[in-house]
Amino acid sequence: MDREDGAKVNCAIFQKQEAVIKDITNKINAIEGVVGKAVFAEELRKEADVLLACQDYKSANIDCENCRYIASLRKRAADIIIKVKKLA
C-alpha cells in the first residue's frame, strides 16, 4: 500500500491493517476534543499492536522493518493522545 511519501510495504497483513488504521486516523482527525480523540486513539493503539505482534515478522525483510517503524510511530501518536486526555 502506498504511503504519502510513495514508499510501499508489500505485505497483505500491513495492507489490511493500513485500511483500518487510516479509517481510525480519519476519525481522530475529524473529531473535536481530546476525550473523543482518545477513544479512537485506543483503537489505533490496538491496531498498531496487531502489526507489532506480527507472526510473519522477519528482521532481514525491509518491508517488515518499514511496517514495524510505521506501526511504532502510530502507537506513539496514540499514546500521546491518550496521555493528553489524562492531563485534561
C-alpha atoms as a PDB file:
ATOM      1  CA  MET A   1       0.000   0.000   0.000  1.00  0.00           C
ATOM      2  CA  ASP A   2       1.327   3.443  -0.835  1.00  0.00           C
ATOM      3  CA  ARG A   3       2.221   5.827   1.930  1.00  0.00           C
ATOM      4  CA  GLU A   4       2.165   9.563   1.387  1.00  0.00           C
ATOM      5  CA  ASP A   5       5.875   9.636   0.502  1.00  0.00           C
ATOM      6  CA  GLY A   6       5.432   6.968  -2.182  1.00  0.00           C
ATOM      7  CA  ALA A   7       7.162   4.135  -0.297  1.00  0.00           C
ATOM      8  CA  LYS A   8       5.464   0.746  -0.375  1.00  0.00           C
ATOM      9  CA  VAL A   9       5.154  -2.079   2.103  1.00  0.00           C
ATOM     10  CA  ASN A  10       4.486  -5.280   0.216  1.00  0.00           C
ATOM     11  CA  CYS A  11       2.584  -7.279   2.808  1.00  0.00           C
ATOM     12  CA  ALA A  12      -1.034  -8.451   2.876  1.00  0.00           C
ATOM     13  CA  ILE A  13      -1.231  -8.074   6.660  1.00  0.00           C
ATOM     14  CA  PHE A  14       0.049  -4.494   6.504  1.00  0.00           C
ATOM     15  CA  GLN A  15      -2.330  -3.599   3.695  1.00  0.00           C
ATOM     16  CA  LYS A  16      -5.325  -4.976   5.599  1.00  0.00           C
ATOM     17  CA  GLN A  17      -4.344  -3.156   8.798  1.00  0.00           C
ATOM     18  CA  GLU A  18      -3.462   0.012   6.898  1.00  0.00           C
ATOM     19  CA  ALA A  19      -7.040   0.369   5.673  1.00  0.00           C
ATOM     20  CA  VAL A  20      -8.357   0.010   9.238  1.00  0.00           C
ATOM     21  CA  ILE A  21      -5.712   2.373  10.642  1.00  0.00           C
ATOM     22  CA  LYS A  22      -6.411   5.042   8.024  1.00  0.00           C
ATOM     23  CA  ASP A  23     -10.117   4.899   8.888  1.00  0.00           C
ATOM     24  CA  ILE A  24      -9.356   5.342  12.594  1.00  0.00           C
ATOM     25  CA  THR A  25      -6.882   8.152  11.857  1.00  0.00           C
ATOM     26  CA  ASN A  26      -9.518   9.964   9.800  1.00  0.00           C
ATOM     27  CA  LYS A  27     -11.926   9.690  12.735  1.00  0.00           C
ATOM     28  CA  ILE A  28      -9.307  11.088  15.124  1.00  0.00           C
ATOM     29  CA  ASN A  29      -8.649  14.000  12.794  1.00  0.00           C
ATOM     30  CA  ALA A  30     -12.364  14.727  12.289  1.00  0.00           C
ATOM     31  CA  ILE A  31     -13.457  14.791  15.919  1.00  0.00           C
ATOM     32  CA  GLU A  32     -13.128  17.809  18.183  1.00  0.00           C
ATOM     33  CA  GLY A  33     -11.828  17.469  21.717  1.00  0.00           C
ATOM     34  CA  VAL A  34      -9.220  15.239  23.234  1.00  0.00           C
ATOM     35  CA  VAL A  35     -11.743  12.998  25.015  1.00  0.00           C
ATOM     36  CA  GLY A  36     -13.318  11.919  21.730  1.00  0.00           C
ATOM     37  CA  LYS A  37      -9.932  11.559  20.077  1.00  0.00           C
ATOM     38  CA  ALA A  38      -8.735   9.331  22.946  1.00  0.00           C
ATOM     39  CA  VAL A  39     -11.487   6.789  22.272  1.00  0.00           C
ATOM     40  CA  PHE A  40     -10.228   6.336  18.736  1.00  0.00           C
ATOM     41  CA  ALA A  41      -6.597   6.527  19.890  1.00  0.00           C
ATOM     42  CA  GLU A  42      -7.233   3.390  21.975  1.00  0.00           C
ATOM     43  CA  GLU A  43      -8.446   1.666  18.800  1.00  0.00           C
ATOM     44  CA  LEU A  44      -5.409   2.947  16.893  1.00  0.00           C
ATOM     45  CA  ARG A  45      -3.083   1.561  19.548  1.00  0.00           C
ATOM     46  CA  LYS A  46      -4.750  -1.879  19.326  1.00  0.00           C
ATOM     47  CA  GLU A  47      -4.485  -1.945  15.524  1.00  0.00           C
ATOM     48  CA  ALA A  48      -0.819  -0.888  15.647  1.00  0.00           C
ATOM     49  CA  ASP A  49      -0.203  -3.685  18.155  1.00  0.00           C
ATOM     50  CA  VAL A  50      -1.530  -6.183  15.590  1.00  0.00           C
ATOM     51  CA  LEU A  51       1.290  -5.152  13.259  1.00  0.00           C
ATOM     52  CA  LEU A  52       3.892  -5.055  16.030  1.00  0.00           C
ATOM     53  CA  ALA A  53       2.967  -8.608  17.075  1.00  0.00           C
ATOM     54  CA  CYS A  54       3.039  -9.997  13.520  1.00  0.00           C
ATOM     55  CA  GLN A  55       3.935 -13.704  13.446  1.00  0.00           C
ATOM     56  CA  ASP A  56       5.435 -13.307   9.948  1.00  0.00           C
ATOM     57  CA  TYR A  57       7.971 -10.626  11.004  1.00  0.00           C
ATOM     58  CA  LYS A  58      11.466 -11.105   9.591  1.00  0.00           C
ATOM     59  CA  SER A  59      14.163  -8.667  10.689  1.00  0.00           C
ATOM     60  CA  ALA A  60      16.039  -9.041   7.398  1.00  0.00           C
ATOM     61  CA  ASN A  61      12.992  -8.017   5.352  1.00  0.00           C
ATOM     62  CA  ILE A  62      12.825  -4.276   4.544  1.00  0.00           C
ATOM     63  CA  ASP A  63       9.030  -4.414   4.260  1.00  0.00           C
ATOM     64  CA  CYS A  64       8.844  -5.838   7.787  1.00  0.00           C
ATOM     65  CA  GLU A  65      11.209  -3.171   9.085  1.00  0.00           C
ATOM     66  CA  ASN A  66       9.178  -0.394   7.418  1.00  0.00           C
ATOM     67  CA  CYS A  67       5.927  -1.857   8.725  1.00  0.00           C
ATOM     68  CA  ARG A  68       7.267  -2.073  12.274  1.00  0.00           C
ATOM     69  CA  TYR A  69       8.597   1.502  12.089  1.00  0.00           C
ATOM     70  CA  ILE A  70       5.256   2.872  10.838  1.00  0.00           C
ATOM     71  CA  ALA A  71       3.309   0.888  13.448  1.00  0.00           C
ATOM     72  CA  SER A  72       5.615   2.144  16.215  1.00  0.00           C
ATOM     73  CA  LEU A  73       5.084   5.766  15.169  1.00  0.00           C
ATOM     74  CA  ARG A  74       1.324   5.315  15.106  1.00  0.00           C
ATOM     75  CA  LYS A  75       1.332   3.671  18.515  1.00  0.00           C
ATOM     76  CA  ARG A  76       3.376   6.553  19.943  1.00  0.00           C
ATOM     77  CA  ALA A  77       0.950   9.071  18.427  1.00  0.00           C
ATOM     78  CA  ALA A  78      -1.964   7.193  20.003  1.00  0.00           C
ATOM     79  CA  ASP A  79      -0.152   7.116  23.351  1.00  0.00           C
ATOM     80  CA  ILE A  80       0.355  10.879  23.231  1.00  0.00           C
ATOM     81  CA  ILE A  81      -3.349  11.499  22.603  1.00  0.00           C
ATOM     82  CA  ILE A  82      -4.253   9.190  25.490  1.00  0.00           C
ATOM     83  CA  LYS A  83      -1.777  10.919  27.846  1.00  0.00           C
ATOM     84  CA  VAL A  84      -3.120  14.357  26.903  1.00  0.00           C
ATOM     85  CA  LYS A  85      -6.636  13.163  27.755  1.00  0.00           C
ATOM     86  CA  LYS A  86      -5.435  12.131  31.221  1.00  0.00           C
ATOM     87  CA  LEU A  87      -3.960  15.612  31.716  1.00  0.00           C
ATOM     88  CA  ALA A  88      -7.139  17.366  30.597  1.00  0.00           C
END
